[in-house]
N, C-alpha and C. Protein backbone atom coordinates (compact mmCIF):
# COMPACT_ATOMS: atom_id res chain seq x y z
N UNK A 1 15.19 0.37 -1.32
CA UNK A 1 14.65 0.36 0.01
C UNK A 1 14.09 -1.01 0.40
N UNK A 2 13.49 -1.79 -0.55
CA UNK A 2 12.94 -3.08 -0.15
C UNK A 2 14.03 -4.05 0.29
N UNK A 3 13.66 -4.91 1.23
CA UNK A 3 14.59 -5.94 1.67
C UNK A 3 14.30 -7.22 0.90
N UNK A 4 15.06 -8.24 1.14
CA UNK A 4 14.83 -9.53 0.49
C UNK A 4 14.11 -10.49 1.42
N UNK A 5 13.53 -9.95 2.49
CA UNK A 5 12.81 -10.77 3.46
C UNK A 5 11.71 -11.57 2.75
N UNK A 6 11.55 -12.82 3.11
CA UNK A 6 10.57 -13.70 2.48
C UNK A 6 9.15 -13.25 2.80
N UNK A 7 8.25 -13.51 1.87
CA UNK A 7 6.84 -13.20 2.06
C UNK A 7 6.20 -14.28 2.92
N UNK A 8 5.16 -13.92 3.66
CA UNK A 8 4.45 -14.94 4.43
C UNK A 8 3.89 -16.01 3.50
N UNK A 9 4.02 -17.27 3.87
CA UNK A 9 3.59 -18.38 3.02
C UNK A 9 2.09 -18.39 2.80
N UNK A 10 1.31 -17.86 3.73
CA UNK A 10 -0.15 -17.92 3.61
C UNK A 10 -0.74 -16.69 2.93
N UNK A 11 0.08 -15.82 2.42
CA UNK A 11 -0.42 -14.59 1.81
C UNK A 11 -0.80 -14.84 0.35
N UNK A 12 -2.10 -15.01 0.08
CA UNK A 12 -2.55 -15.25 -1.29
C UNK A 12 -2.47 -13.98 -2.12
N UNK A 13 -2.93 -12.88 -1.57
CA UNK A 13 -2.86 -11.59 -2.24
C UNK A 13 -1.77 -10.77 -1.56
N UNK A 14 -0.77 -10.41 -2.35
CA UNK A 14 0.39 -9.72 -1.80
C UNK A 14 0.56 -8.38 -2.51
N UNK A 15 0.83 -7.36 -1.74
CA UNK A 15 1.17 -6.04 -2.27
C UNK A 15 2.66 -5.84 -2.01
N UNK A 16 3.39 -5.46 -3.07
CA UNK A 16 4.85 -5.43 -3.03
C UNK A 16 5.39 -4.10 -2.50
N UNK A 17 6.63 -4.15 -2.06
CA UNK A 17 7.30 -3.02 -1.42
C UNK A 17 7.28 -1.73 -2.24
N UNK A 18 7.50 -1.73 -3.57
CA UNK A 18 7.52 -0.46 -4.29
C UNK A 18 6.22 0.35 -4.15
N UNK A 19 5.10 -0.34 -3.97
CA UNK A 19 3.83 0.36 -3.78
C UNK A 19 3.83 1.08 -2.42
N UNK A 20 4.29 0.38 -1.40
CA UNK A 20 4.38 1.01 -0.08
C UNK A 20 5.40 2.14 -0.09
N UNK A 21 6.49 1.94 -0.82
CA UNK A 21 7.50 2.99 -0.93
C UNK A 21 6.88 4.24 -1.56
N UNK A 22 6.11 4.07 -2.62
CA UNK A 22 5.44 5.21 -3.26
C UNK A 22 4.46 5.88 -2.32
N UNK A 23 3.70 5.07 -1.58
CA UNK A 23 2.73 5.61 -0.64
C UNK A 23 3.42 6.44 0.43
N UNK A 24 4.50 5.91 0.98
CA UNK A 24 5.20 6.62 2.05
C UNK A 24 5.95 7.84 1.52
N UNK A 25 6.51 7.74 0.32
CA UNK A 25 7.17 8.91 -0.29
C UNK A 25 6.18 10.03 -0.52
N UNK A 26 4.97 9.66 -0.87
CA UNK A 26 3.94 10.66 -1.11
C UNK A 26 3.68 11.51 0.11
N UNK A 27 3.93 10.96 1.28
CA UNK A 27 3.71 11.71 2.52
C UNK A 27 5.01 12.16 3.16
N UNK A 28 6.12 11.61 2.72
CA UNK A 28 7.46 12.00 3.19
C UNK A 28 7.47 12.31 4.67
N UNK A 29 7.83 13.50 5.02
CA UNK A 29 7.96 13.87 6.43
C UNK A 29 6.67 14.44 7.01
N UNK A 30 5.58 14.34 6.28
CA UNK A 30 4.32 14.93 6.74
C UNK A 30 3.47 13.97 7.57
N UNK A 31 3.94 12.76 7.81
CA UNK A 31 3.15 11.80 8.58
C UNK A 31 2.97 12.29 10.01
N UNK A 32 1.75 12.25 10.49
CA UNK A 32 1.50 12.62 11.87
C UNK A 32 2.03 11.49 12.78
N UNK A 33 2.41 11.82 14.00
CA UNK A 33 2.86 10.76 14.92
C UNK A 33 1.80 9.68 15.11
N UNK A 34 0.55 10.08 15.17
CA UNK A 34 -0.52 9.08 15.31
C UNK A 34 -0.57 8.18 14.08
N UNK A 35 -0.39 8.74 12.89
CA UNK A 35 -0.39 7.91 11.66
C UNK A 35 0.76 6.92 11.71
N UNK A 36 1.93 7.35 12.14
CA UNK A 36 3.09 6.46 12.26
C UNK A 36 2.77 5.30 13.21
N UNK A 37 2.17 5.62 14.35
CA UNK A 37 1.80 4.58 15.32
C UNK A 37 0.77 3.62 14.75
N UNK A 38 -0.24 4.16 14.07
CA UNK A 38 -1.28 3.30 13.51
C UNK A 38 -0.73 2.44 12.38
N UNK A 39 0.18 2.99 11.57
CA UNK A 39 0.80 2.18 10.52
C UNK A 39 1.62 1.04 11.13
N UNK A 40 2.33 1.34 12.21
CA UNK A 40 3.11 0.29 12.88
C UNK A 40 2.18 -0.80 13.41
N UNK A 41 1.06 -0.41 13.99
CA UNK A 41 0.08 -1.39 14.48
C UNK A 41 -0.47 -2.25 13.33
N UNK A 42 -0.56 -1.66 12.14
CA UNK A 42 -1.07 -2.38 10.97
C UNK A 42 -0.01 -3.27 10.34
N UNK A 43 1.27 -3.07 10.71
CA UNK A 43 2.33 -3.93 10.19
C UNK A 43 3.40 -3.23 9.37
N UNK A 44 3.40 -1.89 9.35
CA UNK A 44 4.40 -1.14 8.58
C UNK A 44 5.16 -0.22 9.53
N UNK A 45 6.38 -0.57 9.81
CA UNK A 45 7.24 0.28 10.65
C UNK A 45 7.99 1.21 9.70
N UNK A 46 7.60 2.48 9.67
CA UNK A 46 8.19 3.42 8.70
C UNK A 46 9.65 3.75 9.01
N UNK A 47 10.12 3.37 10.18
CA UNK A 47 11.51 3.62 10.54
C UNK A 47 12.44 2.49 10.09
N UNK A 48 11.88 1.42 9.56
CA UNK A 48 12.68 0.26 9.14
C UNK A 48 12.54 0.06 7.64
N UNK A 49 13.49 -0.67 7.04
CA UNK A 49 13.35 -1.00 5.61
C UNK A 49 12.08 -1.82 5.38
N UNK A 50 11.48 -1.59 4.23
CA UNK A 50 10.26 -2.32 3.89
C UNK A 50 10.56 -3.79 3.63
N UNK A 51 9.58 -4.63 3.90
CA UNK A 51 9.66 -6.03 3.51
C UNK A 51 9.44 -6.12 2.01
N UNK A 52 9.71 -7.26 1.43
CA UNK A 52 9.51 -7.44 -0.01
C UNK A 52 8.04 -7.31 -0.39
N UNK A 53 7.18 -7.72 0.51
CA UNK A 53 5.75 -7.62 0.26
C UNK A 53 4.97 -7.82 1.54
N UNK A 54 3.69 -7.49 1.48
CA UNK A 54 2.82 -7.56 2.65
C UNK A 54 1.48 -8.15 2.21
N UNK A 55 0.79 -8.82 3.12
CA UNK A 55 -0.58 -9.21 2.79
C UNK A 55 -1.35 -7.95 2.38
N UNK A 56 -2.20 -8.07 1.41
CA UNK A 56 -2.91 -6.91 0.89
C UNK A 56 -3.79 -6.25 1.94
N UNK A 57 -4.18 -6.98 2.96
CA UNK A 57 -4.95 -6.36 4.04
C UNK A 57 -4.15 -5.24 4.70
N UNK A 58 -2.83 -5.36 4.73
CA UNK A 58 -1.98 -4.30 5.28
C UNK A 58 -2.03 -3.07 4.36
N UNK A 59 -2.04 -3.29 3.05
CA UNK A 59 -2.17 -2.19 2.09
C UNK A 59 -3.48 -1.43 2.32
N UNK A 60 -4.59 -2.18 2.40
CA UNK A 60 -5.88 -1.55 2.62
C UNK A 60 -5.88 -0.74 3.92
N UNK A 61 -5.29 -1.31 4.96
CA UNK A 61 -5.21 -0.61 6.24
C UNK A 61 -4.40 0.68 6.11
N UNK A 62 -3.29 0.62 5.38
CA UNK A 62 -2.44 1.81 5.21
C UNK A 62 -3.20 2.92 4.49
N UNK A 63 -3.93 2.57 3.44
CA UNK A 63 -4.71 3.58 2.72
C UNK A 63 -5.75 4.20 3.65
N UNK A 64 -6.46 3.36 4.39
CA UNK A 64 -7.48 3.85 5.32
C UNK A 64 -6.86 4.75 6.39
N UNK A 65 -5.75 4.32 6.97
CA UNK A 65 -5.09 5.10 8.01
C UNK A 65 -4.65 6.46 7.48
N UNK A 66 -4.04 6.49 6.32
CA UNK A 66 -3.57 7.76 5.76
C UNK A 66 -4.74 8.67 5.41
N UNK A 67 -5.82 8.10 4.93
CA UNK A 67 -7.01 8.92 4.64
C UNK A 67 -7.54 9.55 5.94
N UNK A 68 -7.63 8.74 6.97
CA UNK A 68 -8.18 9.23 8.24
C UNK A 68 -7.25 10.18 8.97
N UNK A 69 -5.95 9.94 8.91
CA UNK A 69 -5.00 10.73 9.69
C UNK A 69 -4.44 11.94 8.95
N UNK A 70 -4.27 11.84 7.66
CA UNK A 70 -3.61 12.91 6.91
C UNK A 70 -4.58 13.86 6.22
N UNK A 71 -5.84 13.47 6.13
CA UNK A 71 -6.83 14.30 5.44
C UNK A 71 -8.08 14.44 6.31
N UNK A 72 -7.86 14.90 7.52
CA UNK A 72 -8.88 14.92 8.56
C UNK A 72 -10.12 15.72 8.17
N UNK A 73 -9.97 16.81 7.46
CA UNK A 73 -11.11 17.67 7.15
C UNK A 73 -11.95 17.22 5.98
N UNK A 74 -11.59 16.14 5.33
CA UNK A 74 -12.32 15.70 4.14
C UNK A 74 -13.24 14.52 4.44
N UNK A 75 -14.36 14.42 3.72
CA UNK A 75 -15.16 13.20 3.82
C UNK A 75 -14.28 12.01 3.38
N UNK A 76 -14.58 10.83 3.91
CA UNK A 76 -13.72 9.67 3.67
C UNK A 76 -13.45 9.41 2.19
N UNK A 77 -14.44 9.39 1.29
CA UNK A 77 -14.12 9.13 -0.12
C UNK A 77 -13.15 10.17 -0.71
N UNK A 78 -13.31 11.42 -0.34
CA UNK A 78 -12.40 12.46 -0.83
C UNK A 78 -11.00 12.30 -0.24
N UNK A 79 -10.94 11.90 1.01
CA UNK A 79 -9.65 11.67 1.66
C UNK A 79 -8.91 10.51 0.98
N UNK A 80 -9.62 9.46 0.65
CA UNK A 80 -9.01 8.31 -0.03
C UNK A 80 -8.54 8.72 -1.43
N UNK A 81 -9.31 9.56 -2.10
CA UNK A 81 -8.89 10.07 -3.41
C UNK A 81 -7.58 10.83 -3.29
N UNK A 82 -7.44 11.63 -2.25
CA UNK A 82 -6.19 12.36 -2.02
C UNK A 82 -5.03 11.41 -1.72
N UNK A 83 -5.31 10.31 -1.02
CA UNK A 83 -4.27 9.31 -0.78
C UNK A 83 -3.84 8.70 -2.12
N UNK A 84 -4.79 8.42 -2.99
CA UNK A 84 -4.46 7.90 -4.32
C UNK A 84 -3.61 8.87 -5.11
N UNK A 85 -3.94 10.14 -5.04
CA UNK A 85 -3.17 11.17 -5.75
C UNK A 85 -1.75 11.26 -5.17
N UNK A 86 -1.67 11.29 -3.85
CA UNK A 86 -0.36 11.38 -3.19
C UNK A 86 0.48 10.14 -3.48
N UNK A 87 -0.18 8.97 -3.44
CA UNK A 87 0.52 7.73 -3.76
C UNK A 87 1.17 7.81 -5.14
N UNK A 88 0.40 8.24 -6.13
CA UNK A 88 0.91 8.24 -7.50
C UNK A 88 2.09 9.21 -7.64
N UNK A 89 1.99 10.37 -7.01
CA UNK A 89 3.12 11.31 -7.04
C UNK A 89 4.36 10.68 -6.41
N UNK A 90 4.17 10.01 -5.28
CA UNK A 90 5.29 9.35 -4.62
C UNK A 90 5.82 8.17 -5.40
N UNK A 91 4.93 7.40 -6.02
CA UNK A 91 5.33 6.24 -6.79
C UNK A 91 6.20 6.65 -7.98
N UNK A 92 5.85 7.75 -8.63
CA UNK A 92 6.65 8.23 -9.77
C UNK A 92 8.05 8.68 -9.34
N UNK A 93 8.28 8.83 -8.04
CA UNK A 93 9.61 9.18 -7.53
C UNK A 93 10.46 7.95 -7.23
N UNK A 94 9.86 6.76 -7.22
CA UNK A 94 10.62 5.53 -6.96
C UNK A 94 11.34 5.11 -8.24
N UNK A 95 12.32 4.24 -8.11
CA UNK A 95 13.05 3.74 -9.29
C UNK A 95 12.10 3.04 -10.25
N UNK A 96 11.26 2.17 -9.74
CA UNK A 96 10.31 1.47 -10.59
C UNK A 96 9.30 2.45 -11.18
N UNK A 97 8.83 3.37 -10.40
CA UNK A 97 7.85 4.34 -10.87
C UNK A 97 8.39 5.23 -11.98
N UNK A 98 9.66 5.63 -11.88
CA UNK A 98 10.26 6.43 -12.95
C UNK A 98 10.30 5.65 -14.26
N UNK A 99 10.58 4.37 -14.18
CA UNK A 99 10.60 3.52 -15.38
C UNK A 99 9.20 3.40 -15.98
N UNK A 100 8.22 3.13 -15.13
CA UNK A 100 6.84 3.02 -15.60
C UNK A 100 6.40 4.34 -16.23
N UNK A 101 6.72 5.45 -15.59
CA UNK A 101 6.34 6.77 -16.09
C UNK A 101 6.92 7.04 -17.47
N UNK A 102 8.18 6.68 -17.68
CA UNK A 102 8.82 6.90 -18.99
C UNK A 102 8.07 6.15 -20.08
N UNK A 103 7.64 4.93 -19.79
CA UNK A 103 6.89 4.14 -20.77
C UNK A 103 5.52 4.77 -21.01
N UNK A 104 4.83 5.18 -19.96
CA UNK A 104 3.49 5.74 -20.09
C UNK A 104 3.49 7.02 -20.91
N UNK A 105 4.51 7.84 -20.73
CA UNK A 105 4.60 9.09 -21.52
C UNK A 105 4.67 8.78 -23.00
N UNK A 106 5.36 7.72 -23.36
CA UNK A 106 5.47 7.34 -24.77
C UNK A 106 4.16 6.77 -25.31
N UNK A 107 3.41 6.07 -24.48
CA UNK A 107 2.21 5.37 -24.93
C UNK A 107 0.99 6.27 -25.10
N UNK A 108 0.89 7.31 -24.29
CA UNK A 108 -0.31 8.13 -24.33
C UNK A 108 -1.42 7.53 -23.48
N UNK A 109 -2.56 8.25 -23.36
CA UNK A 109 -3.58 7.83 -22.40
C UNK A 109 -4.25 6.48 -22.70
N UNK A 110 -4.69 6.25 -23.92
CA UNK A 110 -5.42 5.01 -24.20
C UNK A 110 -4.54 3.78 -23.99
N UNK A 111 -3.38 3.78 -24.59
CA UNK A 111 -2.51 2.60 -24.45
C UNK A 111 -2.01 2.45 -23.01
N UNK A 112 -1.85 3.57 -22.29
CA UNK A 112 -1.48 3.48 -20.87
C UNK A 112 -2.57 2.79 -20.08
N UNK A 113 -3.82 3.16 -20.34
CA UNK A 113 -4.93 2.51 -19.65
C UNK A 113 -5.06 1.05 -20.05
N UNK A 114 -4.77 0.74 -21.30
CA UNK A 114 -4.86 -0.64 -21.76
C UNK A 114 -3.82 -1.54 -21.11
N UNK A 115 -2.76 -0.97 -20.59
CA UNK A 115 -1.74 -1.79 -19.94
C UNK A 115 -1.76 -1.64 -18.42
N UNK A 116 -2.89 -1.19 -17.88
CA UNK A 116 -3.01 -1.01 -16.44
C UNK A 116 -2.80 -2.30 -15.66
N UNK A 117 -3.27 -3.43 -16.18
CA UNK A 117 -3.04 -4.69 -15.47
C UNK A 117 -1.55 -4.92 -15.27
N UNK A 118 -0.79 -4.71 -16.32
CA UNK A 118 0.66 -4.89 -16.23
C UNK A 118 1.26 -3.90 -15.22
N UNK A 119 0.80 -2.66 -15.26
CA UNK A 119 1.32 -1.67 -14.32
C UNK A 119 0.96 -2.04 -12.88
N UNK A 120 -0.30 -2.44 -12.66
CA UNK A 120 -0.72 -2.82 -11.32
C UNK A 120 0.04 -4.04 -10.83
N UNK A 121 0.39 -4.94 -11.73
CA UNK A 121 1.11 -6.16 -11.34
C UNK A 121 2.53 -5.88 -10.89
N UNK A 122 3.06 -4.69 -11.14
CA UNK A 122 4.35 -4.34 -10.55
C UNK A 122 4.17 -4.05 -9.06
N UNK A 123 2.91 -3.87 -8.64
CA UNK A 123 2.63 -3.54 -7.24
C UNK A 123 1.94 -4.63 -6.45
N UNK A 124 1.32 -5.60 -7.14
CA UNK A 124 0.68 -6.70 -6.42
C UNK A 124 0.55 -7.90 -7.34
N UNK A 125 0.06 -8.99 -6.78
CA UNK A 125 0.00 -10.23 -7.56
C UNK A 125 -1.42 -10.61 -7.99
N UNK A 126 -2.36 -9.67 -8.00
CA UNK A 126 -3.74 -10.07 -8.26
C UNK A 126 -4.58 -9.08 -9.05
N UNK A 127 -4.15 -7.86 -9.24
CA UNK A 127 -5.00 -6.86 -9.91
C UNK A 127 -5.10 -7.13 -11.41
N UNK A 128 -6.30 -6.95 -11.91
CA UNK A 128 -6.59 -7.06 -13.34
C UNK A 128 -7.46 -5.87 -13.73
N UNK A 129 -7.29 -5.40 -14.96
CA UNK A 129 -8.12 -4.32 -15.47
C UNK A 129 -8.55 -4.64 -16.90
N UNK A 130 -9.65 -4.02 -17.30
CA UNK A 130 -10.17 -4.16 -18.65
C UNK A 130 -10.60 -2.78 -19.11
N UNK A 131 -10.30 -2.45 -20.36
CA UNK A 131 -10.70 -1.16 -20.93
C UNK A 131 -11.80 -1.41 -21.95
N UNK A 132 -12.89 -0.67 -21.79
CA UNK A 132 -14.01 -0.73 -22.72
C UNK A 132 -14.08 0.63 -23.41
N UNK A 133 -13.63 0.71 -24.65
CA UNK A 133 -13.60 1.98 -25.38
C UNK A 133 -14.99 2.28 -25.92
N UNK A 134 -15.57 3.40 -25.49
CA UNK A 134 -16.90 3.80 -25.94
C UNK A 134 -16.83 4.80 -27.09
N UNK A 135 -15.77 5.59 -27.13
CA UNK A 135 -15.55 6.59 -28.18
C UNK A 135 -14.11 7.06 -28.05
N UNK A 136 -13.58 7.74 -29.06
CA UNK A 136 -12.21 8.28 -28.89
C UNK A 136 -12.15 9.21 -27.68
N UNK A 137 -11.22 8.94 -26.81
CA UNK A 137 -11.06 9.75 -25.60
C UNK A 137 -12.13 9.52 -24.56
N UNK A 138 -12.82 8.39 -24.62
CA UNK A 138 -13.90 8.09 -23.68
C UNK A 138 -13.95 6.58 -23.45
N UNK A 139 -13.45 6.14 -22.29
CA UNK A 139 -13.40 4.71 -21.99
C UNK A 139 -13.95 4.44 -20.60
N UNK A 140 -14.37 3.20 -20.42
CA UNK A 140 -14.69 2.70 -19.09
C UNK A 140 -13.56 1.77 -18.69
N UNK A 141 -13.00 2.01 -17.53
CA UNK A 141 -11.94 1.15 -17.00
C UNK A 141 -12.56 0.29 -15.91
N UNK A 142 -12.41 -1.01 -16.04
CA UNK A 142 -12.93 -1.97 -15.05
C UNK A 142 -11.75 -2.52 -14.27
N UNK A 143 -11.85 -2.50 -12.95
CA UNK A 143 -10.77 -2.94 -12.07
C UNK A 143 -11.32 -3.98 -11.11
N UNK A 144 -10.67 -5.15 -11.07
CA UNK A 144 -11.19 -6.23 -10.23
C UNK A 144 -11.05 -5.94 -8.74
N UNK A 145 -10.15 -5.07 -8.37
CA UNK A 145 -9.94 -4.77 -6.95
C UNK A 145 -9.80 -3.27 -6.80
N UNK A 146 -10.90 -2.61 -6.48
CA UNK A 146 -10.91 -1.15 -6.45
C UNK A 146 -11.23 -0.60 -5.07
N UNK A 147 -10.75 -1.25 -4.01
CA UNK A 147 -11.02 -0.81 -2.65
C UNK A 147 -12.51 -0.54 -2.48
N UNK A 148 -13.27 -1.58 -2.32
CA UNK A 148 -14.73 -1.51 -2.31
C UNK A 148 -15.27 -0.40 -1.43
N UNK A 149 -14.64 -0.13 -0.28
CA UNK A 149 -15.17 0.92 0.59
C UNK A 149 -14.77 2.31 0.12
N UNK A 150 -13.86 2.41 -0.84
CA UNK A 150 -13.44 3.72 -1.33
C UNK A 150 -12.76 3.59 -2.69
N UNK A 151 -13.55 3.40 -3.75
CA UNK A 151 -12.96 3.27 -5.08
C UNK A 151 -12.30 4.56 -5.56
N UNK A 152 -12.42 5.60 -4.78
CA UNK A 152 -11.83 6.88 -5.16
C UNK A 152 -10.31 6.85 -5.13
N UNK A 153 -9.70 5.85 -4.49
CA UNK A 153 -8.24 5.72 -4.51
C UNK A 153 -7.75 5.57 -5.94
N UNK A 154 -8.38 4.67 -6.69
CA UNK A 154 -8.01 4.45 -8.09
C UNK A 154 -8.28 5.72 -8.90
N UNK A 155 -9.40 6.38 -8.63
CA UNK A 155 -9.72 7.63 -9.31
C UNK A 155 -8.57 8.63 -9.15
N UNK A 156 -8.10 8.80 -7.93
CA UNK A 156 -7.01 9.75 -7.67
C UNK A 156 -5.73 9.37 -8.36
N UNK A 157 -5.37 8.09 -8.34
CA UNK A 157 -4.10 7.71 -8.97
C UNK A 157 -4.18 7.85 -10.49
N UNK A 158 -5.35 7.55 -11.09
CA UNK A 158 -5.48 7.73 -12.54
C UNK A 158 -5.41 9.22 -12.90
N UNK A 159 -6.05 10.06 -12.10
CA UNK A 159 -6.01 11.50 -12.37
C UNK A 159 -4.57 12.00 -12.43
N UNK A 160 -3.78 11.65 -11.45
CA UNK A 160 -2.38 12.10 -11.44
C UNK A 160 -1.60 11.46 -12.57
N UNK A 161 -1.84 10.17 -12.83
CA UNK A 161 -1.15 9.50 -13.93
C UNK A 161 -1.41 10.18 -15.26
N UNK A 162 -2.68 10.48 -15.55
CA UNK A 162 -3.02 11.15 -16.81
C UNK A 162 -2.42 12.55 -16.88
N UNK A 163 -2.47 13.24 -15.76
CA UNK A 163 -1.89 14.59 -15.70
C UNK A 163 -0.39 14.54 -15.99
N UNK A 164 0.29 13.60 -15.37
CA UNK A 164 1.75 13.49 -15.52
C UNK A 164 2.19 13.10 -16.92
N UNK A 165 1.36 12.32 -17.63
CA UNK A 165 1.75 11.94 -18.98
C UNK A 165 1.32 12.98 -20.01
N UNK A 166 0.77 14.10 -19.54
CA UNK A 166 0.45 15.22 -20.43
C UNK A 166 -0.90 15.13 -21.11
N UNK A 167 -1.82 14.38 -20.56
CA UNK A 167 -3.16 14.25 -21.14
C UNK A 167 -3.93 15.55 -20.95
N UNK A 168 -4.59 16.00 -22.00
CA UNK A 168 -5.34 17.26 -21.97
C UNK A 168 -6.79 17.04 -21.55
N UNK A 169 -7.28 17.91 -20.66
CA UNK A 169 -8.68 17.91 -20.25
C UNK A 169 -9.16 16.54 -19.79
N UNK A 170 -8.39 15.88 -18.98
CA UNK A 170 -8.75 14.54 -18.50
C UNK A 170 -9.71 14.64 -17.32
N UNK A 171 -10.61 13.66 -17.25
CA UNK A 171 -11.49 13.54 -16.09
C UNK A 171 -11.67 12.05 -15.79
N UNK A 172 -11.85 11.76 -14.52
CA UNK A 172 -12.06 10.38 -14.08
C UNK A 172 -13.25 10.39 -13.13
N UNK A 173 -14.26 9.61 -13.47
CA UNK A 173 -15.48 9.54 -12.68
C UNK A 173 -15.65 8.12 -12.16
N UNK A 174 -16.00 7.99 -10.90
CA UNK A 174 -16.31 6.68 -10.33
C UNK A 174 -17.75 6.35 -10.72
N UNK A 175 -17.93 5.21 -11.37
CA UNK A 175 -19.26 4.74 -11.76
C UNK A 175 -19.76 3.70 -10.75
N UNK A 176 -21.04 3.39 -10.75
CA UNK A 176 -21.51 2.29 -9.89
C UNK A 176 -20.76 1.00 -10.26
N UNK A 177 -20.51 0.14 -9.28
CA UNK A 177 -19.78 -1.10 -9.56
C UNK A 177 -20.46 -1.93 -10.65
N UNK A 178 -19.64 -2.69 -11.36
CA UNK A 178 -20.16 -3.63 -12.36
C UNK A 178 -20.95 -4.72 -11.65
N UNK A 179 -21.83 -5.45 -12.37
CA UNK A 179 -22.59 -6.54 -11.74
C UNK A 179 -21.70 -7.59 -11.05
N UNK A 180 -20.48 -7.77 -11.55
CA UNK A 180 -19.56 -8.73 -10.94
C UNK A 180 -18.82 -8.16 -9.73
N UNK A 181 -19.14 -6.92 -9.34
CA UNK A 181 -18.51 -6.30 -8.18
C UNK A 181 -17.24 -5.52 -8.50
N UNK A 182 -16.77 -5.58 -9.72
CA UNK A 182 -15.57 -4.84 -10.11
C UNK A 182 -15.84 -3.34 -10.09
N UNK A 183 -14.79 -2.57 -9.78
CA UNK A 183 -14.89 -1.13 -9.84
C UNK A 183 -14.94 -0.66 -11.29
N UNK A 184 -15.72 0.39 -11.54
CA UNK A 184 -15.82 0.97 -12.88
C UNK A 184 -15.53 2.46 -12.83
N UNK A 185 -14.82 2.92 -13.83
CA UNK A 185 -14.44 4.33 -13.93
C UNK A 185 -14.68 4.81 -15.36
N UNK A 186 -15.23 5.99 -15.50
CA UNK A 186 -15.35 6.64 -16.79
C UNK A 186 -14.14 7.56 -16.90
N UNK A 187 -13.30 7.32 -17.91
CA UNK A 187 -12.09 8.12 -18.10
C UNK A 187 -12.24 8.82 -19.45
N UNK A 188 -12.14 10.16 -19.42
CA UNK A 188 -12.28 10.95 -20.65
C UNK A 188 -11.10 11.91 -20.77
N UNK A 189 -10.75 12.21 -22.01
CA UNK A 189 -9.70 13.20 -22.28
C UNK A 189 -9.90 13.75 -23.68
N UNK A 190 -9.25 14.88 -23.93
CA UNK A 190 -9.33 15.49 -25.25
C UNK A 190 -8.34 14.79 -26.17
N UNK A 191 -8.84 14.34 -27.32
CA UNK A 191 -7.98 13.64 -28.29
C UNK A 191 -7.29 14.64 -29.21
């Protein structure tokens, strides 16, 4: 689906087409007309092939728009969490997502979390993560870019990722941000 259209020269942080493809697949034909219009205003015409990448501000806008338009009855953090969950389901349906999923199933939860930077880098050019293992099946995941206004997006995508790779009794909790402003998550599962 992505085109070979060049990226804007001034875009320091870029989010790549497969991420948008996963996001849009997650909603498939369920997009409200207003959501389609708002996405177009933000720079994503869902009726056209995706560009190779977009300034990350467009990604943030898309997440916000889908939370507001597709999950109207939920408080904003919960709506963003649902967007993260929907994104991950849609991403696993893309060609790149199927490949990533096959690797994650082999690795298991801890090693999957340890390679999150690599996984995120298939979707953008700036995300970094760090895993702080506190005990078997109990880690803190630090993310340098966790949507400051709604870190629940990452929570939702990790929940679905762990579920899909067969992790037992998994939970993901959003913790207060680290002193450096990075997002923090407590991720637990049964070993």
